[in-house]
PDB file of N, CA and C in Angstrom:
ATOM      1  N   MET A   1      15.935  20.523 -20.524  1.00  0.00           N
ATOM      2  CA  MET A   1      15.230  19.364 -20.048  1.00  0.00           C
ATOM      3  C   MET A   1      14.632  19.687 -18.675  1.00  0.00           C
ATOM      4  N   SER A   2      13.387  19.262 -18.457  1.00  0.00           N
ATOM      5  CA  SER A   2      12.719  19.555 -17.183  1.00  0.00           C
ATOM      6  C   SER A   2      13.230  18.636 -16.076  1.00  0.00           C
ATOM      7  N   VAL A   3      12.973  19.026 -14.850  1.00  0.00           N
ATOM      8  CA  VAL A   3      13.363  18.223 -13.699  1.00  0.00           C
ATOM      9  C   VAL A   3      12.671  16.861 -13.761  1.00  0.00           C
ATOM     10  N   GLN A   4      11.409  16.867 -14.165  1.00  0.00           N
ATOM     11  CA  GLN A   4      10.662  15.606 -14.265  1.00  0.00           C
ATOM     12  C   GLN A   4      11.304  14.680 -15.295  1.00  0.00           C
ATOM     13  N   GLU A   5      11.683  15.220 -16.437  1.00  0.00           N
ATOM     14  CA  GLU A   5      12.333  14.406 -17.466  1.00  0.00           C
ATOM     15  C   GLU A   5      13.662  13.844 -16.968  1.00  0.00           C
ATOM     16  N   LEU A   6      14.411  14.664 -16.249  1.00  0.00           N
ATOM     17  CA  LEU A   6      15.676  14.197 -15.675  1.00  0.00           C
ATOM     18  C   LEU A   6      15.433  13.077 -14.659  1.00  0.00           C
ATOM     19  N   ALA A   7      14.422  13.254 -13.816  1.00  0.00           N
ATOM     20  CA  ALA A   7      14.118  12.241 -12.804  1.00  0.00           C
ATOM     21  C   ALA A   7      13.712  10.923 -13.447  1.00  0.00           C
ATOM     22  N   MET A   8      12.999  10.971 -14.562  1.00  0.00           N
ATOM     23  CA  MET A   8      12.565   9.751 -15.235  1.00  0.00           C
ATOM     24  C   MET A   8      13.743   8.956 -15.802  1.00  0.00           C
ATOM     25  N   GLN A   9      14.869   9.595 -15.982  1.00  0.00           N
ATOM     26  CA  GLN A   9      16.056   8.929 -16.527  1.00  0.00           C
ATOM     27  C   GLN A   9      16.911   8.279 -15.442  1.00  0.00           C
ATOM     28  N   LEU A  10      16.598   8.543 -14.174  1.00  0.00           N
ATOM     29  CA  LEU A  10      17.375   7.983 -13.077  1.00  0.00           C
ATOM     30  C   LEU A  10      17.125   6.478 -12.945  1.00  0.00           C
ATOM     31  N   PRO A  11      18.122   5.753 -12.446  1.00  0.00           N
ATOM     32  CA  PRO A  11      17.889   4.337 -12.130  1.00  0.00           C
ATOM     33  C   PRO A  11      16.846   4.236 -11.012  1.00  0.00           C
ATOM     34  N   ARG A  12      16.191   3.098 -10.906  1.00  0.00           N
ATOM     35  CA  ARG A  12      15.113   2.900  -9.937  1.00  0.00           C
ATOM     36  C   ARG A  12      15.544   3.252  -8.507  1.00  0.00           C
ATOM     37  N   VAL A  13      16.716   2.809  -8.088  1.00  0.00           N
ATOM     38  CA  VAL A  13      17.162   3.072  -6.727  1.00  0.00           C
ATOM     39  C   VAL A  13      17.314   4.577  -6.481  1.00  0.00           C
ATOM     40  N   GLU A  14      17.770   5.314  -7.467  1.00  0.00           N
ATOM     41  CA  GLU A  14      17.902   6.769  -7.324  1.00  0.00           C
ATOM     42  C   GLU A  14      16.534   7.441  -7.306  1.00  0.00           C
ATOM     43  N   LYS A  15      15.583   6.921  -8.080  1.00  0.00           N
ATOM     44  CA  LYS A  15      14.217   7.455  -8.040  1.00  0.00           C
ATOM     45  C   LYS A  15      13.633   7.287  -6.644  1.00  0.00           C
ATOM     46  N   LEU A  16      13.862   6.112  -6.038  1.00  0.00           N
ATOM     47  CA  LEU A  16      13.358   5.877  -4.686  1.00  0.00           C
ATOM     48  C   LEU A  16      14.008   6.817  -3.683  1.00  0.00           C
ATOM     49  N   ARG A  17      15.302   7.039  -3.802  1.00  0.00           N
ATOM     50  CA  ARG A  17      15.982   7.988  -2.909  1.00  0.00           C
ATOM     51  C   ARG A  17      15.430   9.400  -3.083  1.00  0.00           C
ATOM     52  N   LEU A  18      15.193   9.786  -4.327  1.00  0.00           N
ATOM     53  CA  LEU A  18      14.627  11.104  -4.605  1.00  0.00           C
ATOM     54  C   LEU A  18      13.220  11.213  -4.019  1.00  0.00           C
ATOM     55  N   MET A  19      12.419  10.168  -4.193  1.00  0.00           N
ATOM     56  CA  MET A  19      11.064  10.171  -3.662  1.00  0.00           C
ATOM     57  C   MET A  19      11.085  10.300  -2.138  1.00  0.00           C
ATOM     58  N   GLU A  20      11.992   9.569  -1.478  1.00  0.00           N
ATOM     59  CA  GLU A  20      12.099   9.655  -0.026  1.00  0.00           C
ATOM     60  C   GLU A  20      12.531  11.050   0.412  1.00  0.00           C
ATOM     61  N   ALA A  21      13.455  11.646  -0.306  1.00  0.00           N
ATOM     62  CA  ALA A  21      13.911  12.991   0.037  1.00  0.00           C
ATOM     63  C   ALA A  21      12.791  14.014  -0.147  1.00  0.00           C
ATOM     64  N   LEU A  22      12.042  13.876  -1.222  1.00  0.00           N
ATOM     65  CA  LEU A  22      10.915  14.782  -1.459  1.00  0.00           C
ATOM     66  C   LEU A  22       9.846  14.616  -0.386  1.00  0.00           C
ATOM     67  N   TRP A  23       9.522  13.349  -0.057  1.00  0.00           N
ATOM     68  CA  TRP A  23       8.505  13.099   0.964  1.00  0.00           C
ATOM     69  C   TRP A  23       8.960  13.668   2.306  1.00  0.00           C
ATOM     70  N   ASP A  24      10.226  13.469   2.652  1.00  0.00           N
ATOM     71  CA  ASP A  24      10.755  13.995   3.902  1.00  0.00           C
ATOM     72  C   ASP A  24      10.608  15.510   3.940  1.00  0.00           C
ATOM     73  N   ASP A  25      10.938  16.172   2.850  1.00  0.00           N
ATOM     74  CA  ASP A  25      10.833  17.629   2.790  1.00  0.00           C
ATOM     75  C   ASP A  25       9.385  18.091   2.895  1.00  0.00           C
ATOM     76  N   LEU A  26       8.489  17.411   2.185  1.00  0.00           N
ATOM     77  CA  LEU A  26       7.084  17.821   2.175  1.00  0.00           C
ATOM     78  C   LEU A  26       6.353  17.511   3.474  1.00  0.00           C
ATOM     79  N   SER A  27       6.845  16.549   4.228  1.00  0.00           N
ATOM     80  CA  SER A  27       6.127  16.126   5.423  1.00  0.00           C
ATOM     81  C   SER A  27       6.506  16.902   6.680  1.00  0.00           C
ATOM     82  N   HIS A  28       7.439  17.824   6.584  1.00  0.00           N
ATOM     83  CA  HIS A  28       7.793  18.613   7.767  1.00  0.00           C
ATOM     84  C   HIS A  28       6.653  19.539   8.159  1.00  0.00           C
ATOM     85  N   GLU A  29       6.448  19.666   9.468  1.00  0.00           N
ATOM     86  CA  GLU A  29       5.401  20.560   9.958  1.00  0.00           C
ATOM     87  C   GLU A  29       5.676  21.989   9.509  1.00  0.00           C
ATOM     88  N   GLY A  30       4.616  22.749   9.358  1.00  0.00           N
ATOM     89  CA  GLY A  30       4.753  24.133   8.951  1.00  0.00           C
ATOM     90  C   GLY A  30       4.721  24.311   7.446  1.00  0.00           C
ATOM     91  N   GLN A  31       4.714  23.191   6.730  1.00  0.00           N
ATOM     92  CA  GLN A  31       4.660  23.257   5.268  1.00  0.00           C
ATOM     93  C   GLN A  31       3.387  22.569   4.769  1.00  0.00           C
ATOM     94  N   GLU A  32       2.291  22.808   5.471  1.00  0.00           N
ATOM     95  CA  GLU A  32       1.039  22.156   5.110  1.00  0.00           C
ATOM     96  C   GLU A  32       0.547  22.633   3.744  1.00  0.00           C
ATOM     97  N   VAL A  33      -0.009  21.695   3.022  1.00  0.00           N
ATOM     98  CA  VAL A  33      -0.595  21.995   1.723  1.00  0.00           C
ATOM     99  C   VAL A  33      -2.090  22.186   1.934  1.00  0.00           C
ATOM    100  N   GLU A  34      -2.606  23.284   1.473  1.00  0.00           N
ATOM    101  CA  GLU A  34      -4.020  23.565   1.636  1.00  0.00           C
ATOM    102  C   GLU A  34      -4.827  22.728   0.648  1.00  0.00           C
ATOM    103  N   SER A  35      -5.854  22.065   1.153  1.00  0.00           N
ATOM    104  CA  SER A  35      -6.711  21.263   0.287  1.00  0.00           C
ATOM    105  C   SER A  35      -7.504  22.179  -0.635  1.00  0.00           C
ATOM    106  N   PRO A  36      -7.739  21.726  -1.868  1.00  0.00           N
ATOM    107  CA  PRO A  36      -8.582  22.517  -2.772  1.00  0.00           C
ATOM    108  C   PRO A  36      -9.988  22.660  -2.189  1.00  0.00           C
ATOM    109  N   SER A  37     -10.665  23.712  -2.533  1.00  0.00           N
ATOM    110  CA  SER A  37     -11.988  23.994  -1.968  1.00  0.00           C
ATOM    111  C   SER A  37     -13.011  22.903  -2.277  1.00  0.00           C
ATOM    112  N   TRP A  38     -12.855  22.191  -3.388  1.00  0.00           N
ATOM    113  CA  TRP A  38     -13.830  21.168  -3.755  1.00  0.00           C
ATOM    114  C   TRP A  38     -13.691  19.892  -2.929  1.00  0.00           C
ATOM    115  N   HIS A  39     -12.573  19.704  -2.200  1.00  0.00           N
ATOM    116  CA  HIS A  39     -12.378  18.486  -1.406  1.00  0.00           C
ATOM    117  C   HIS A  39     -13.484  18.288  -0.375  1.00  0.00           C
ATOM    118  N   GLU A  40     -13.849  19.341   0.325  1.00  0.00           N
ATOM    119  CA  GLU A  40     -14.850  19.220   1.379  1.00  0.00           C
ATOM    120  C   GLU A  40     -16.177  18.717   0.820  1.00  0.00           C
ATOM    121  N   ALA A  41     -16.593  19.269  -0.318  1.00  0.00           N
ATOM    122  CA  ALA A  41     -17.858  18.853  -0.919  1.00  0.00           C
ATOM    123  C   ALA A  41     -17.809  17.383  -1.338  1.00  0.00           C
ATOM    124  N   VAL A  42     -16.704  16.962  -1.925  1.00  0.00           N
ATOM    125  CA  VAL A  42     -16.565  15.573  -2.365  1.00  0.00           C
ATOM    126  C   VAL A  42     -16.566  14.632  -1.167  1.00  0.00           C
ATOM    127  N   LEU A  43     -15.872  15.001  -0.091  1.00  0.00           N
ATOM    128  CA  LEU A  43     -15.853  14.168   1.111  1.00  0.00           C
ATOM    129  C   LEU A  43     -17.246  14.041   1.719  1.00  0.00           C
ATOM    130  N   LYS A  44     -17.995  15.130   1.755  1.00  0.00           N
ATOM    131  CA  LYS A  44     -19.354  15.083   2.300  1.00  0.00           C
ATOM    132  C   LYS A  44     -20.252  14.191   1.448  1.00  0.00           C
ATOM    133  N   GLU A  45     -20.115  14.278   0.124  1.00  0.00           N
ATOM    134  CA  GLU A  45     -20.903  13.418  -0.760  1.00  0.00           C
ATOM    135  C   GLU A  45     -20.577  11.947  -0.515  1.00  0.00           C
ATOM    136  N   THR A  46     -19.309  11.650  -0.352  1.00  0.00           N
ATOM    137  CA  THR A  46     -18.894  10.274  -0.087  1.00  0.00           C
ATOM    138  C   THR A  46     -19.450   9.792   1.246  1.00  0.00           C
ATOM    139  N   GLU A  47     -19.354  10.626   2.274  1.00  0.00           N
ATOM    140  CA  GLU A  47     -19.908  10.266   3.590  1.00  0.00           C
ATOM    141  C   GLU A  47     -21.400   9.963   3.490  1.00  0.00           C
ATOM    142  N   GLN A  48     -22.129  10.743   2.698  1.00  0.00           N
ATOM    143  CA  GLN A  48     -23.563  10.523   2.544  1.00  0.00           C
ATOM    144  C   GLN A  48     -23.846   9.194   1.837  1.00  0.00           C
ATOM    145  N   ARG A  49     -23.045   8.868   0.802  1.00  0.00           N
ATOM    146  CA  ARG A  49     -23.230   7.598   0.096  1.00  0.00           C
ATOM    147  C   ARG A  49     -22.929   6.410   1.005  1.00  0.00           C
ATOM    148  N   VAL A  50     -21.907   6.538   1.845  1.00  0.00           N
ATOM    149  CA  VAL A  50     -21.572   5.460   2.788  1.00  0.00           C
ATOM    150  C   VAL A  50     -22.688   5.317   3.821  1.00  0.00           C
ATOM    151  N   ALA A  51     -23.168   6.440   4.358  1.00  0.00           N
ATOM    152  CA  ALA A  51     -24.225   6.407   5.376  1.00  0.00           C
ATOM    153  C   ALA A  51     -25.509   5.800   4.833  1.00  0.00           C
ATOM    154  N   SER A  52     -25.802   6.038   3.554  1.00  0.00           N
ATOM    155  CA  SER A  52     -27.034   5.511   2.961  1.00  0.00           C
ATOM    156  C   SER A  52     -26.874   4.075   2.472  1.00  0.00           C
ATOM    157  N   GLY A  53     -25.650   3.549   2.503  1.00  0.00           N
ATOM    158  CA  GLY A  53     -25.405   2.197   2.028  1.00  0.00           C
ATOM    159  C   GLY A  53     -25.183   2.107   0.538  1.00  0.00           C
ATOM    160  N   GLU A  54     -25.222   3.240  -0.126  1.00  0.00           N
ATOM    161  CA  GLU A  54     -25.010   3.283  -1.584  1.00  0.00           C
ATOM    162  C   GLU A  54     -23.561   2.945  -1.937  1.00  0.00           C
ATOM    163  N   GLU A  55     -22.652   3.251  -1.033  1.00  0.00           N
ATOM    164  CA  GLU A  55     -21.232   2.984  -1.248  1.00  0.00           C
ATOM    165  C   GLU A  55     -20.697   2.240  -0.029  1.00  0.00           C
ATOM    166  N   VAL A  56     -19.925   1.191  -0.299  1.00  0.00           N
ATOM    167  CA  VAL A  56     -19.360   0.389   0.784  1.00  0.00           C
ATOM    168  C   VAL A  56     -17.849   0.591   0.800  1.00  0.00           C
ATOM    169  N   PRO A  57     -17.300   1.012   1.943  1.00  0.00           N
ATOM    170  CA  PRO A  57     -15.858   1.213   2.013  1.00  0.00           C
ATOM    171  C   PRO A  57     -15.107  -0.121   1.913  1.00  0.00           C
ATOM    172  N   LEU A  58     -13.920  -0.066   1.334  1.00  0.00           N
ATOM    173  CA  LEU A  58     -13.052  -1.234   1.238  1.00  0.00           C
ATOM    174  C   LEU A  58     -11.850  -1.021   2.136  1.00  0.00           C
ATOM    175  N   ASP A  59     -11.346  -2.119   2.728  1.00  0.00           N
ATOM    176  CA  ASP A  59     -10.099  -1.964   3.461  1.00  0.00           C
ATOM    177  C   ASP A  59      -8.980  -1.810   2.435  1.00  0.00           C
ATOM    178  N   TRP A  60      -7.825  -1.351   2.886  1.00  0.00           N
ATOM    179  CA  TRP A  60      -6.736  -0.990   1.966  1.00  0.00           C
ATOM    180  C   TRP A  60      -6.286  -2.184   1.134  1.00  0.00           C
ATOM    181  N   ASP A  61      -6.170  -3.366   1.720  1.00  0.00           N
ATOM    182  CA  ASP A  61      -5.723  -4.543   0.959  1.00  0.00           C
ATOM    183  C   ASP A  61      -6.708  -4.887  -0.149  1.00  0.00           C
ATOM    184  N   ALA A  62      -8.002  -4.827   0.150  1.00  0.00           N
ATOM    185  CA  ALA A  62      -9.022  -5.110  -0.871  1.00  0.00           C
ATOM    186  C   ALA A  62      -8.996  -4.046  -1.966  1.00  0.00           C
ATOM    187  N   ALA A  63      -8.790  -2.801  -1.589  1.00  0.00           N
ATOM    188  CA  ALA A  63      -8.730  -1.719  -2.579  1.00  0.00           C
ATOM    189  C   ALA A  63      -7.541  -1.910  -3.518  1.00  0.00           C
ATOM    190  N   LYS A  64      -6.383  -2.294  -2.965  1.00  0.00           N
ATOM    191  CA  LYS A  64      -5.199  -2.528  -3.805  1.00  0.00           C
ATOM    192  C   LYS A  64      -5.443  -3.672  -4.772  1.00  0.00           C
ATOM    193  N   ARG A  65      -6.055  -4.767  -4.287  1.00  0.00           N
ATOM    194  CA  ARG A  65      -6.350  -5.898  -5.192  1.00  0.00           C
ATOM    195  C   ARG A  65      -7.279  -5.456  -6.330  1.00  0.00           C
ATOM    196  N   ARG A  66      -8.283  -4.677  -5.966  1.00  0.00           N
ATOM    197  CA  ARG A  66      -9.250  -4.213  -6.975  1.00  0.00           C
ATOM    198  C   ARG A  66      -8.580  -3.311  -8.012  1.00  0.00           C
ATOM    199  N   LEU A  67      -7.727  -2.411  -7.548  1.00  0.00           N
ATOM    200  CA  LEU A  67      -7.033  -1.499  -8.461  1.00  0.00           C
ATOM    201  C   LEU A  67      -6.074  -2.247  -9.379  1.00  0.00           C
ATOM    202  N   ARG A  68      -5.429  -3.272  -8.869  1.00  0.00           N
ATOM    203  CA  ARG A  68      -4.479  -4.030  -9.679  1.00  0.00           C
ATOM    204  C   ARG A  68      -5.156  -4.821 -10.777  1.00  0.00           C
ATOM    205  N   ARG A  69      -6.441  -5.117 -10.609  1.00  0.00           N
ATOM    206  CA  ARG A  69      -7.188  -5.834 -11.644  1.00  0.00           C
ATOM    207  C   ARG A  69      -7.562  -4.941 -12.822  1.00  0.00           C
ATOM    208  N   LEU A  70      -7.562  -3.627 -12.624  1.00  0.00           N
ATOM    209  CA  LEU A  70      -7.981  -2.691 -13.687  1.00  0.00           C
ATOM    210  C   LEU A  70      -6.957  -2.625 -14.799  1.00  0.00           C
TER     211      LEU A  70
END
């Protein structure tokens, strides 16, 4: 059985503890994750759409409401 399958069988509170432990481990300095090469191009495209008015940024609360409707 994979680690992911084992984690899915944990009670919710244990999943949250595991998630916090993983986040704590991943967030330590010196363990930076390198962004994929395509990220820069996508970010620049988004910046251009925002600058031209083609895309309007949403604040986080509005984005969450919109995502929850999907």
